[in-house]
Amino acid sequence: MDESIYLDEARDPLIIAEGWMKNGKNVAIATVVETWGSAPRPAGSHLVIDAEGNFHGSVSGGCVEGAVVTEAIDVIGSGKPRMLEFGVADETAWQVGLSCGGRIKVYVERLG
């Protein structure tokens, strides 16, 4: 039996989110919906976040995760989704480390 399948499932942010929700946690998901230039993660990449700020997955290889987690916690509280944009011309992008010339658009929504 190929155990790598189970390892891949254990790392899948969507499976992690499902487990968190089954354990009663409030969860948001951030999804890369568009990229331009030298973006570190492709469209469709996911980051799942709980109300305590725990997260799993990646939307930028570490460049903007901190800012996305902060926004996701607000989304969990309000229930209102948000579209976030980070890019080299955006001061926020420089502050959080996305200085490689790329831009990303990330949609954040509460699950459940």
PDB file of N, CA and C in Angstrom:
ATOM      1  N   MET A   1       0.838  -1.174   0.000  1.00  0.00           N
ATOM      2  CA  MET A   1       0.000   0.000   0.000  1.00  0.00           C
ATOM      3  C   MET A   1       0.888   1.245   0.000  1.00  0.00           C
ATOM      4  N   ASP A   2       0.524   2.239  -0.791  1.00  0.00           N
ATOM      5  CA  ASP A   2       1.304   3.469  -0.903  1.00  0.00           C
ATOM      6  C   ASP A   2       0.920   4.435   0.214  1.00  0.00           C
ATOM      7  N   GLU A   3       1.777   4.521   1.232  1.00  0.00           N
ATOM      8  CA  GLU A   3       1.483   5.381   2.379  1.00  0.00           C
ATOM      9  C   GLU A   3       1.638   6.856   2.050  1.00  0.00           C
ATOM     10  N   SER A   4       2.298   7.196   0.939  1.00  0.00           N
ATOM     11  CA  SER A   4       2.462   8.607   0.579  1.00  0.00           C
ATOM     12  C   SER A   4       1.112   9.264   0.315  1.00  0.00           C
ATOM     13  N   ILE A   5       0.122   8.473  -0.094  1.00  0.00           N
ATOM     14  CA  ILE A   5      -1.227   9.009  -0.294  1.00  0.00           C
ATOM     15  C   ILE A   5      -1.743   9.575   1.016  1.00  0.00           C
ATOM     16  N   TYR A   6      -1.548   8.844   2.098  1.00  0.00           N
ATOM     17  CA  TYR A   6      -2.030   9.292   3.401  1.00  0.00           C
ATOM     18  C   TYR A   6      -1.253  10.502   3.887  1.00  0.00           C
ATOM     19  N   LEU A   7       0.035  10.552   3.591  1.00  0.00           N
ATOM     20  CA  LEU A   7       0.827  11.717   3.974  1.00  0.00           C
ATOM     21  C   LEU A   7       0.340  12.950   3.234  1.00  0.00           C
ATOM     22  N   ASP A   8       0.027  12.794   1.929  1.00  0.00           N
ATOM     23  CA  ASP A   8      -0.491  13.918   1.157  1.00  0.00           C
ATOM     24  C   ASP A   8      -1.817  14.390   1.729  1.00  0.00           C
ATOM     25  N   GLU A   9      -2.694  13.453   2.092  1.00  0.00           N
ATOM     26  CA  GLU A   9      -3.979  13.817   2.675  1.00  0.00           C
ATOM     27  C   GLU A   9      -3.786  14.543   3.999  1.00  0.00           C
ATOM     28  N   ALA A  10      -2.806  14.123   4.789  1.00  0.00           N
ATOM     29  CA  ALA A  10      -2.564  14.744   6.089  1.00  0.00           C
ATOM     30  C   ALA A  10      -2.075  16.178   5.934  1.00  0.00           C
ATOM     31  N   ARG A  11      -1.504  16.501   4.786  1.00  0.00           N
ATOM     32  CA  ARG A  11      -1.002  17.858   4.548  1.00  0.00           C
ATOM     33  C   ARG A  11      -1.990  18.729   3.791  1.00  0.00           C
ATOM     34  N   ASP A  12      -3.063  18.158   3.288  1.00  0.00           N
ATOM     35  CA  ASP A  12      -4.039  18.895   2.487  1.00  0.00           C
ATOM     36  C   ASP A  12      -4.805  19.875   3.376  1.00  0.00           C
ATOM     37  N   PRO A  13      -4.703  21.184   3.104  1.00  0.00           N
ATOM     38  CA  PRO A  13      -5.397  22.161   3.945  1.00  0.00           C
ATOM     39  C   PRO A  13      -6.904  21.937   4.043  1.00  0.00           C
ATOM     40  N   LEU A  14      -7.523  21.439   2.982  1.00  0.00           N
ATOM     41  CA  LEU A  14      -8.971  21.219   3.022  1.00  0.00           C
ATOM     42  C   LEU A  14      -9.336  20.096   3.988  1.00  0.00           C
ATOM     43  N   ILE A  15      -8.512  19.069   4.043  1.00  0.00           N
ATOM     44  CA  ILE A  15      -8.751  17.975   4.988  1.00  0.00           C
ATOM     45  C   ILE A  15      -8.498  18.453   6.413  1.00  0.00           C
ATOM     46  N   ILE A  16      -7.476  19.277   6.597  1.00  0.00           N
ATOM     47  CA  ILE A  16      -7.205  19.861   7.915  1.00  0.00           C
ATOM     48  C   ILE A  16      -8.405  20.698   8.359  1.00  0.00           C
ATOM     49  N   ALA A  17      -8.922  21.537   7.466  1.00  0.00           N
ATOM     50  CA  ALA A  17     -10.080  22.385   7.795  1.00  0.00           C
ATOM     51  C   ALA A  17     -11.282  21.540   8.188  1.00  0.00           C
ATOM     52  N   GLU A  18     -11.510  20.468   7.456  1.00  0.00           N
ATOM     53  CA  GLU A  18     -12.632  19.580   7.775  1.00  0.00           C
ATOM     54  C   GLU A  18     -12.483  19.012   9.187  1.00  0.00           C
ATOM     55  N   GLY A  19     -11.280  18.583   9.536  1.00  0.00           N
ATOM     56  CA  GLY A  19     -11.030  18.052  10.873  1.00  0.00           C
ATOM     57  C   GLY A  19     -11.234  19.093  11.952  1.00  0.00           C
ATOM     58  N   TRP A  20     -10.741  20.302  11.705  1.00  0.00           N
ATOM     59  CA  TRP A  20     -10.927  21.378  12.679  1.00  0.00           C
ATOM     60  C   TRP A  20     -12.410  21.647  12.906  1.00  0.00           C
ATOM     61  N   MET A  21     -13.175  21.687  11.811  1.00  0.00           N
ATOM     62  CA  MET A  21     -14.608  21.963  11.929  1.00  0.00           C
ATOM     63  C   MET A  21     -15.321  20.844  12.679  1.00  0.00           C
ATOM     64  N   LYS A  22     -14.934  19.606  12.423  1.00  0.00           N
ATOM     65  CA  LYS A  22     -15.528  18.476  13.148  1.00  0.00           C
ATOM     66  C   LYS A  22     -15.238  18.569  14.641  1.00  0.00           C
ATOM     67  N   ASN A  23     -14.126  19.221  14.996  1.00  0.00           N
ATOM     68  CA  ASN A  23     -13.762  19.412  16.403  1.00  0.00           C
ATOM     69  C   ASN A  23     -14.339  20.699  16.986  1.00  0.00           C
ATOM     70  N   GLY A  24     -15.254  21.337  16.245  1.00  0.00           N
ATOM     71  CA  GLY A  24     -15.952  22.509  16.761  1.00  0.00           C
ATOM     72  C   GLY A  24     -15.253  23.837  16.570  1.00  0.00           C
ATOM     73  N   LYS A  25     -14.179  23.861  15.790  1.00  0.00           N
ATOM     74  CA  LYS A  25     -13.472  25.125  15.571  1.00  0.00           C
ATOM     75  C   LYS A  25     -14.140  25.929  14.461  1.00  0.00           C
ATOM     76  N   ASN A  26     -14.094  27.252  14.600  1.00  0.00           N
ATOM     77  CA  ASN A  26     -14.503  28.147  13.524  1.00  0.00           C
ATOM     78  C   ASN A  26     -13.312  28.301  12.590  1.00  0.00           C
ATOM     79  N   VAL A  27     -13.573  28.195  11.291  1.00  0.00           N
ATOM     80  CA  VAL A  27     -12.489  28.124  10.312  1.00  0.00           C
ATOM     81  C   VAL A  27     -12.770  29.041   9.125  1.00  0.00           C
ATOM     82  N   ALA A  28     -11.701  29.646   8.617  1.00  0.00           N
ATOM     83  CA  ALA A  28     -11.759  30.396   7.361  1.00  0.00           C
ATOM     84  C   ALA A  28     -10.782  29.755   6.392  1.00  0.00           C
ATOM     85  N   ILE A  29     -11.056  29.965   5.112  1.00  0.00           N
ATOM     86  CA  ILE A  29     -10.138  29.502   4.078  1.00  0.00           C
ATOM     87  C   ILE A  29      -9.753  30.685   3.207  1.00  0.00           C
ATOM     88  N   ALA A  30      -8.475  30.765   2.901  1.00  0.00           N
ATOM     89  CA  ALA A  30      -7.949  31.777   1.990  1.00  0.00           C
ATOM     90  C   ALA A  30      -7.492  31.048   0.731  1.00  0.00           C
ATOM     91  N   THR A  31      -7.939  31.537  -0.416  1.00  0.00           N
ATOM     92  CA  THR A  31      -7.628  30.897  -1.690  1.00  0.00           C
ATOM     93  C   THR A  31      -7.002  31.913  -2.635  1.00  0.00           C
ATOM     94  N   VAL A  32      -5.874  31.564  -3.229  1.00  0.00           N
ATOM     95  CA  VAL A  32      -5.277  32.412  -4.262  1.00  0.00           C
ATOM     96  C   VAL A  32      -6.181  32.312  -5.485  1.00  0.00           C
ATOM     97  N   VAL A  33      -6.738  33.457  -5.910  1.00  0.00           N
ATOM     98  CA  VAL A  33      -7.644  33.439  -7.054  1.00  0.00           C
ATOM     99  C   VAL A  33      -7.014  34.011  -8.317  1.00  0.00           C
ATOM    100  N   GLU A  34      -5.946  34.810  -8.154  1.00  0.00           N
ATOM    101  CA  GLU A  34      -5.259  35.367  -9.313  1.00  0.00           C
ATOM    102  C   GLU A  34      -3.819  35.682  -8.945  1.00  0.00           C
ATOM    103  N   THR A  35      -2.932  35.544  -9.921  1.00  0.00           N
ATOM    104  CA  THR A  35      -1.530  35.925  -9.723  1.00  0.00           C
ATOM    105  C   THR A  35      -1.050  36.682 -10.952  1.00  0.00           C
ATOM    106  N   TRP A  36      -0.069  37.554 -10.751  1.00  0.00           N
ATOM    107  CA  TRP A  36       0.582  38.268 -11.839  1.00  0.00           C
ATOM    108  C   TRP A  36       2.068  38.280 -11.555  1.00  0.00           C
ATOM    109  N   GLY A  37       2.865  38.159 -12.586  1.00  0.00           N
ATOM    110  CA  GLY A  37       4.315  38.241 -12.413  1.00  0.00           C
ATOM    111  C   GLY A  37       4.871  37.068 -11.636  1.00  0.00           C
ATOM    112  N   SER A  38       5.840  37.347 -10.797  1.00  0.00           N
ATOM    113  CA  SER A  38       6.559  36.320 -10.053  1.00  0.00           C
ATOM    114  C   SER A  38       5.867  36.015  -8.728  1.00  0.00           C
ATOM    115  N   ALA A  39       4.741  35.342  -8.792  1.00  0.00           N
ATOM    116  CA  ALA A  39       3.999  34.980  -7.581  1.00  0.00           C
ATOM    117  C   ALA A  39       4.522  33.644  -7.055  1.00  0.00           C
ATOM    118  N   PRO A  40       4.706  33.540  -5.730  1.00  0.00           N
ATOM    119  CA  PRO A  40       5.305  32.330  -5.164  1.00  0.00           C
ATOM    120  C   PRO A  40       4.402  31.101  -5.143  1.00  0.00           C
ATOM    121  N   ARG A  41       3.078  31.268  -5.185  1.00  0.00           N
ATOM    122  CA  ARG A  41       2.156  30.129  -5.162  1.00  0.00           C
ATOM    123  C   ARG A  41       1.128  30.318  -6.278  1.00  0.00           C
ATOM    124  N   PRO A  42       0.694  29.240  -6.926  1.00  0.00           N
ATOM    125  CA  PRO A  42      -0.248  29.362  -8.037  1.00  0.00           C
ATOM    126  C   PRO A  42      -1.683  29.598  -7.570  1.00  0.00           C
ATOM    127  N   ALA A  43      -2.505  30.062  -8.497  1.00  0.00           N
ATOM    128  CA  ALA A  43      -3.939  30.183  -8.230  1.00  0.00           C
ATOM    129  C   ALA A  43      -4.463  28.820  -7.792  1.00  0.00           C
ATOM    130  N   GLY A  44      -5.372  28.837  -6.821  1.00  0.00           N
ATOM    131  CA  GLY A  44      -5.916  27.598  -6.277  1.00  0.00           C
ATOM    132  C   GLY A  44      -5.242  27.151  -4.993  1.00  0.00           C
ATOM    133  N   SER A  45      -4.129  27.783  -4.633  1.00  0.00           N
ATOM    134  CA  SER A  45      -3.449  27.434  -3.378  1.00  0.00           C
ATOM    135  C   SER A  45      -4.305  27.870  -2.194  1.00  0.00           C
ATOM    136  N   HIS A  46      -4.272  27.077  -1.115  1.00  0.00           N
ATOM    137  CA  HIS A  46      -5.119  27.339   0.053  1.00  0.00           C
ATOM    138  C   HIS A  46      -4.322  27.504   1.339  1.00  0.00           C
ATOM    139  N   LEU A  47      -4.880  28.337   2.206  1.00  0.00           N
ATOM    140  CA  LEU A  47      -4.430  28.486   3.582  1.00  0.00           C
ATOM    141  C   LEU A  47      -5.691  28.416   4.429  1.00  0.00           C
ATOM    142  N   VAL A  48      -5.724  27.524   5.419  1.00  0.00           N
ATOM    143  CA  VAL A  48      -6.874  27.458   6.323  1.00  0.00           C
ATOM    144  C   VAL A  48      -6.449  28.014   7.675  1.00  0.00           C
ATOM    145  N   ILE A  49      -7.382  28.722   8.321  1.00  0.00           N
ATOM    146  CA  ILE A  49      -7.078  29.452   9.543  1.00  0.00           C
ATOM    147  C   ILE A  49      -8.211  29.227  10.530  1.00  0.00           C
ATOM    148  N   ASP A  50      -7.864  29.025  11.821  1.00  0.00           N
ATOM    149  CA  ASP A  50      -8.918  28.951  12.833  1.00  0.00           C
ATOM    150  C   ASP A  50      -8.970  30.272  13.602  1.00  0.00           C
ATOM    151  N   ALA A  51      -9.971  30.407  14.468  1.00  0.00           N
ATOM    152  CA  ALA A  51     -10.205  31.665  15.183  1.00  0.00           C
ATOM    153  C   ALA A  51      -9.065  32.035  16.126  1.00  0.00           C
ATOM    154  N   GLU A  52      -8.234  31.066  16.499  1.00  0.00           N
ATOM    155  CA  GLU A  52      -7.100  31.333  17.389  1.00  0.00           C
ATOM    156  C   GLU A  52      -5.843  31.740  16.617  1.00  0.00           C
ATOM    157  N   GLY A  53      -5.920  31.720  15.286  1.00  0.00           N
ATOM    158  CA  GLY A  53      -4.769  32.098  14.472  1.00  0.00           C
ATOM    159  C   GLY A  53      -3.889  30.944  14.045  1.00  0.00           C
ATOM    160  N   ASN A  54      -4.289  29.717  14.365  1.00  0.00           N
ATOM    161  CA  ASN A  54      -3.555  28.555  13.856  1.00  0.00           C
ATOM    162  C   ASN A  54      -3.831  28.459  12.361  1.00  0.00           C
ATOM    163  N   PHE A  55      -2.837  28.058  11.585  1.00  0.00           N
ATOM    164  CA  PHE A  55      -3.054  27.958  10.147  1.00  0.00           C
ATOM    165  C   PHE A  55      -2.280  26.794   9.558  1.00  0.00           C
ATOM    166  N   HIS A  56      -2.720  26.389   8.372  1.00  0.00           N
ATOM    167  CA  HIS A  56      -2.100  25.277   7.653  1.00  0.00           C
ATOM    168  C   HIS A  56      -2.234  25.562   6.166  1.00  0.00           C
ATOM    169  N   GLY A  57      -1.172  25.316   5.419  1.00  0.00           N
ATOM    170  CA  GLY A  57      -1.171  25.565   3.985  1.00  0.00           C
ATOM    171  C   GLY A  57      -0.369  26.818   3.675  1.00  0.00           C
ATOM    172  N   SER A  58      -0.532  27.324   2.453  1.00  0.00           N
ATOM    173  CA  SER A  58       0.222  28.507   2.048  1.00  0.00           C
ATOM    174  C   SER A  58      -0.452  29.194   0.871  1.00  0.00           C
ATOM    175  N   VAL A  59      -0.451  30.522   0.906  1.00  0.00           N
ATOM    176  CA  VAL A  59      -0.913  31.296  -0.242  1.00  0.00           C
ATOM    177  C   VAL A  59       0.231  32.074  -0.886  1.00  0.00           C
ATOM    178  N   SER A  60       1.377  32.130  -0.198  1.00  0.00           N
ATOM    179  CA  SER A  60       2.473  32.929  -0.755  1.00  0.00           C
ATOM    180  C   SER A  60       3.855  32.410  -0.387  1.00  0.00           C
ATOM    181  N   GLY A  61       3.956  31.215   0.105  1.00  0.00           N
ATOM    182  CA  GLY A  61       5.261  30.709   0.502  1.00  0.00           C
ATOM    183  C   GLY A  61       5.840  31.442   1.698  1.00  0.00           C
ATOM    184  N   GLY A  62       4.978  32.086   2.479  1.00  0.00           N
ATOM    185  CA  GLY A  62       5.414  32.773   3.688  1.00  0.00           C
ATOM    186  C   GLY A  62       5.442  34.283   3.587  1.00  0.00           C
ATOM    187  N   CYS A  63       5.297  34.822   2.383  1.00  0.00           N
ATOM    188  CA  CYS A  63       5.410  36.271   2.198  1.00  0.00           C
ATOM    189  C   CYS A  63       4.293  37.060   2.877  1.00  0.00           C
ATOM    190  N   VAL A  64       3.049  36.650   2.705  1.00  0.00           N
ATOM    191  CA  VAL A  64       1.919  37.441   3.222  1.00  0.00           C
ATOM    192  C   VAL A  64       1.026  36.670   4.187  1.00  0.00           C
ATOM    193  N   GLU A  65       1.437  35.488   4.590  1.00  0.00           N
ATOM    194  CA  GLU A  65       0.585  34.669   5.449  1.00  0.00           C
ATOM    195  C   GLU A  65       0.142  35.397   6.723  1.00  0.00           C
ATOM    196  N   GLY A  66       1.040  36.137   7.360  1.00  0.00           N
ATOM    197  CA  GLY A  66       0.692  36.839   8.594  1.00  0.00           C
ATOM    198  C   GLY A  66      -0.460  37.807   8.397  1.00  0.00           C
ATOM    199  N   ALA A  67      -0.409  38.580   7.313  1.00  0.00           N
ATOM    200  CA  ALA A  67      -1.481  39.527   7.017  1.00  0.00           C
ATOM    201  C   ALA A  67      -2.780  38.797   6.686  1.00  0.00           C
ATOM    202  N   VAL A  68      -2.688  37.687   5.965  1.00  0.00           N
ATOM    203  CA  VAL A  68      -3.880  36.917   5.604  1.00  0.00           C
ATOM    204  C   VAL A  68      -4.509  36.303   6.849  1.00  0.00           C
ATOM    205  N   VAL A  69      -3.703  35.782   7.763  1.00  0.00           N
ATOM    206  CA  VAL A  69      -4.227  35.206   9.009  1.00  0.00           C
ATOM    207  C   VAL A  69      -4.986  36.268   9.797  1.00  0.00           C
ATOM    208  N   THR A  70      -4.428  37.462   9.911  1.00  0.00           N
ATOM    209  CA  THR A  70      -5.097  38.549  10.632  1.00  0.00           C
ATOM    210  C   THR A  70      -6.448  38.866  10.006  1.00  0.00           C
ATOM    211  N   GLU A  71      -6.497  38.974   8.687  1.00  0.00           N
ATOM    212  CA  GLU A  71      -7.758  39.246   7.990  1.00  0.00           C
ATOM    213  C   GLU A  71      -8.739  38.090   8.168  1.00  0.00           C
ATOM    214  N   ALA A  72      -8.233  36.863   8.124  1.00  0.00           N
ATOM    215  CA  ALA A  72      -9.099  35.684   8.255  1.00  0.00           C
ATOM    216  C   ALA A  72      -9.763  35.629   9.628  1.00  0.00           C
ATOM    217  N   ILE A  73      -9.045  36.004  10.662  1.00  0.00           N
ATOM    218  CA  ILE A  73      -9.635  36.021  12.007  1.00  0.00           C
ATOM    219  C   ILE A  73     -10.796  37.013  12.040  1.00  0.00           C
ATOM    220  N   ASP A  74     -10.637  38.164  11.378  1.00  0.00           N
ATOM    221  CA  ASP A  74     -11.737  39.132  11.278  1.00  0.00           C
ATOM    222  C   ASP A  74     -12.911  38.557  10.495  1.00  0.00           C
ATOM    223  N   VAL A  75     -12.620  37.833   9.416  1.00  0.00           N
ATOM    224  CA  VAL A  75     -13.671  37.211   8.605  1.00  0.00           C
ATOM    225  C   VAL A  75     -14.432  36.169   9.425  1.00  0.00           C
ATOM    226  N   ILE A  76     -13.723  35.389  10.219  1.00  0.00           N
ATOM    227  CA  ILE A  76     -14.388  34.397  11.077  1.00  0.00           C
ATOM    228  C   ILE A  76     -15.360  35.106  12.016  1.00  0.00           C
ATOM    229  N   GLY A  77     -14.936  36.223  12.592  1.00  0.00           N
ATOM    230  CA  GLY A  77     -15.781  36.961  13.521  1.00  0.00           C
ATOM    231  C   GLY A  77     -16.982  37.615  12.874  1.00  0.00           C
ATOM    232  N   SER A  78     -16.787  38.187  11.691  1.00  0.00           N
ATOM    233  CA  SER A  78     -17.864  38.928  11.027  1.00  0.00           C
ATOM    234  C   SER A  78     -18.722  38.065  10.117  1.00  0.00           C
ATOM    235  N   GLY A  79     -18.147  36.984   9.601  1.00  0.00           N
ATOM    236  CA  GLY A  79     -18.851  36.156   8.627  1.00  0.00           C
ATOM    237  C   GLY A  79     -18.864  36.755   7.233  1.00  0.00           C
ATOM    238  N   LYS A  80     -18.202  37.907   7.046  1.00  0.00           N
ATOM    239  CA  LYS A  80     -18.194  38.588   5.749  1.00  0.00           C
ATOM    240  C   LYS A  80     -16.884  38.300   5.018  1.00  0.00           C
ATOM    241  N   PRO A  81     -16.963  37.723   3.809  1.00  0.00           N
ATOM    242  CA  PRO A  81     -15.749  37.410   3.053  1.00  0.00           C
ATOM    243  C   PRO A  81     -15.029  38.675   2.605  1.00  0.00           C
ATOM    244  N   ARG A  82     -13.757  38.524   2.276  1.00  0.00           N
ATOM    245  CA  ARG A  82     -12.935  39.648   1.812  1.00  0.00           C
ATOM    246  C   ARG A  82     -12.052  39.207   0.655  1.00  0.00           C
ATOM    247  N   MET A  83     -11.818  40.146  -0.247  1.00  0.00           N
ATOM    248  CA  MET A  83     -10.846  39.947  -1.314  1.00  0.00           C
ATOM    249  C   MET A  83      -9.623  40.788  -0.960  1.00  0.00           C
ATOM    250  N   LEU A  84      -8.473  40.158  -0.867  1.00  0.00           N
ATOM    251  CA  LEU A  84      -7.231  40.840  -0.515  1.00  0.00           C
ATOM    252  C   LEU A  84      -6.312  40.865  -1.720  1.00  0.00           C
ATOM    253  N   GLU A  85      -5.558  41.946  -1.870  1.00  0.00           N
ATOM    254  CA  GLU A  85      -4.567  42.033  -2.936  1.00  0.00           C
ATOM    255  C   GLU A  85      -3.239  42.471  -2.352  1.00  0.00           C
ATOM    256  N   PHE A  86      -2.195  41.807  -2.783  1.00  0.00           N
ATOM    257  CA  PHE A  86      -0.841  42.152  -2.371  1.00  0.00           C
ATOM    258  C   PHE A  86       0.015  42.234  -3.622  1.00  0.00           C
ATOM    259  N   GLY A  87       0.845  43.263  -3.703  1.00  0.00           N
ATOM    260  CA  GLY A  87       1.707  43.400  -4.865  1.00  0.00           C
ATOM    261  C   GLY A  87       2.899  44.270  -4.581  1.00  0.00           C
ATOM    262  N   VAL A  88       3.853  44.249  -5.504  1.00  0.00           N
ATOM    263  CA  VAL A  88       5.104  44.962  -5.296  1.00  0.00           C
ATOM    264  C   VAL A  88       4.884  46.462  -5.148  1.00  0.00           C
ATOM    265  N   ALA A  89       3.838  47.014  -5.742  1.00  0.00           N
ATOM    266  CA  ALA A  89       3.568  48.445  -5.624  1.00  0.00           C
ATOM    267  C   ALA A  89       2.781  48.767  -4.361  1.00  0.00           C
ATOM    268  N   ASP A  90       2.338  47.752  -3.667  1.00  0.00           N
ATOM    269  CA  ASP A  90       1.527  47.899  -2.465  1.00  0.00           C
ATOM    270  C   ASP A  90       2.449  47.950  -1.250  1.00  0.00           C
ATOM    271  N   GLU A  91       2.358  49.018  -0.460  1.00  0.00           N
ATOM    272  CA  GLU A  91       3.220  49.155   0.720  1.00  0.00           C
ATOM    273  C   GLU A  91       3.064  47.970   1.666  1.00  0.00           C
ATOM    274  N   THR A  92       1.843  47.447   1.765  1.00  0.00           N
ATOM    275  CA  THR A  92       1.602  46.284   2.617  1.00  0.00           C
ATOM    276  C   THR A  92       2.436  45.101   2.153  1.00  0.00           C
ATOM    277  N   ALA A  93       2.558  44.931   0.843  1.00  0.00           N
ATOM    278  CA  ALA A  93       3.338  43.813   0.311  1.00  0.00           C
ATOM    279  C   ALA A  93       4.789  43.907   0.762  1.00  0.00           C
ATOM    280  N   TRP A  94       5.355  45.097   0.728  1.00  0.00           N
ATOM    281  CA  TRP A  94       6.736  45.267   1.187  1.00  0.00           C
ATOM    282  C   TRP A  94       6.844  44.967   2.669  1.00  0.00           C
ATOM    283  N   GLN A  95       5.862  45.407   3.444  1.00  0.00           N
ATOM    284  CA  GLN A  95       5.893  45.178   4.887  1.00  0.00           C
ATOM    285  C   GLN A  95       5.854  43.702   5.226  1.00  0.00           C
ATOM    286  N   VAL A  96       5.108  42.922   4.429  1.00  0.00           N
ATOM    287  CA  VAL A  96       4.965  41.503   4.736  1.00  0.00           C
ATOM    288  C   VAL A  96       5.898  40.621   3.915  1.00  0.00           C
ATOM    289  N   GLY A  97       6.704  41.221   3.034  1.00  0.00           N
ATOM    290  CA  GLY A  97       7.748  40.454   2.369  1.00  0.00           C
ATOM    291  C   GLY A  97       7.521  40.069   0.927  1.00  0.00           C
ATOM    292  N   LEU A  98       6.472  40.568   0.270  1.00  0.00           N
ATOM    293  CA  LEU A  98       6.229  40.217  -1.131  1.00  0.00           C
ATOM    294  C   LEU A  98       6.909  41.255  -2.026  1.00  0.00           C
ATOM    295  N   SER A  99       8.217  41.208  -2.050  1.00  0.00           N
ATOM    296  CA  SER A  99       8.986  42.209  -2.793  1.00  0.00           C
ATOM    297  C   SER A  99       9.605  41.627  -4.057  1.00  0.00           C
ATOM    298  N   CYS A 100       9.137  40.474  -4.494  1.00  0.00           N
ATOM    299  CA  CYS A 100       9.756  39.776  -5.622  1.00  0.00           C
ATOM    300  C   CYS A 100       9.214  40.237  -6.970  1.00  0.00           C
ATOM    301  N   GLY A 101       8.307  41.185  -6.995  1.00  0.00           N
ATOM    302  CA  GLY A 101       7.781  41.677  -8.255  1.00  0.00           C
ATOM    303  C   GLY A 101       6.455  41.070  -8.638  1.00  0.00           C
ATOM    304  N   GLY A 102       5.941  40.141  -7.866  1.00  0.00           N
ATOM    305  CA  GLY A 102       4.670  39.521  -8.174  1.00  0.00           C
ATOM    306  C   GLY A 102       3.515  40.175  -7.445  1.00  0.00           C
ATOM    307  N   ARG A 103       2.319  39.805  -7.865  1.00  0.00           N
ATOM    308  CA  ARG A 103       1.104  40.257  -7.196  1.00  0.00           C
ATOM    309  C   ARG A 103       0.187  39.056  -7.045  1.00  0.00           C
ATOM    310  N   ILE A 104      -0.564  39.044  -5.944  1.00  0.00           N
ATOM    311  CA  ILE A 104      -1.542  37.975  -5.747  1.00  0.00           C
ATOM    312  C   ILE A 104      -2.848  38.567  -5.249  1.00  0.00           C
ATOM    313  N   LYS A 105      -3.933  37.899  -5.618  1.00  0.00           N
ATOM    314  CA  LYS A 105      -5.262  38.236  -5.118  1.00  0.00           C
ATOM    315  C   LYS A 105      -5.744  37.014  -4.345  1.00  0.00           C
ATOM    316  N   VAL A 106      -6.191  37.236  -3.095  1.00  0.00           N
ATOM    317  CA  VAL A 106      -6.571  36.146  -2.194  1.00  0.00           C
ATOM    318  C   VAL A 106      -7.986  36.390  -1.683  1.00  0.00           C
ATOM    319  N   TYR A 107      -8.860  35.400  -1.861  1.00  0.00           N
ATOM    320  CA  TYR A 107     -10.236  35.474  -1.365  1.00  0.00           C
ATOM    321  C   TYR A 107     -10.301  34.732  -0.037  1.00  0.00           C
ATOM    322  N   VAL A 108     -10.828  35.401   0.991  1.00  0.00           N
ATOM    323  CA  VAL A 108     -10.914  34.822   2.331  1.00  0.00           C
ATOM    324  C   VAL A 108     -12.382  34.708   2.716  1.00  0.00           C
ATOM    325  N   GLU A 109     -12.808  33.495   3.104  1.00  0.00           N
ATOM    326  CA  GLU A 109     -14.200  33.278   3.502  1.00  0.00           C
ATOM    327  C   GLU A 109     -14.275  32.334   4.688  1.00  0.00           C
ATOM    328  N   ARG A 110     -15.333  32.502   5.470  1.00  0.00           N
ATOM    329  CA  ARG A 110     -15.579  31.613   6.603  1.00  0.00           C
ATOM    330  C   ARG A 110     -16.217  30.330   6.080  1.00  0.00           C
ATOM    331  N   LEU A 111     -15.821  29.211   6.643  1.00  0.00           N
ATOM    332  CA  LEU A 111     -16.421  27.923   6.281  1.00  0.00           C
ATOM    333  C   LEU A 111     -17.496  27.574   7.294  1.00  0.00           C
ATOM    334  N   GLY A 112     -18.507  26.867   6.828  1.00  0.00           N
ATOM    335  CA  GLY A 112     -19.548  26.380   7.738  1.00  0.00           C
ATOM    336  C   GLY A 112     -20.663  27.337   7.980  1.00  0.00           C
TER     337      GLY A 112
END
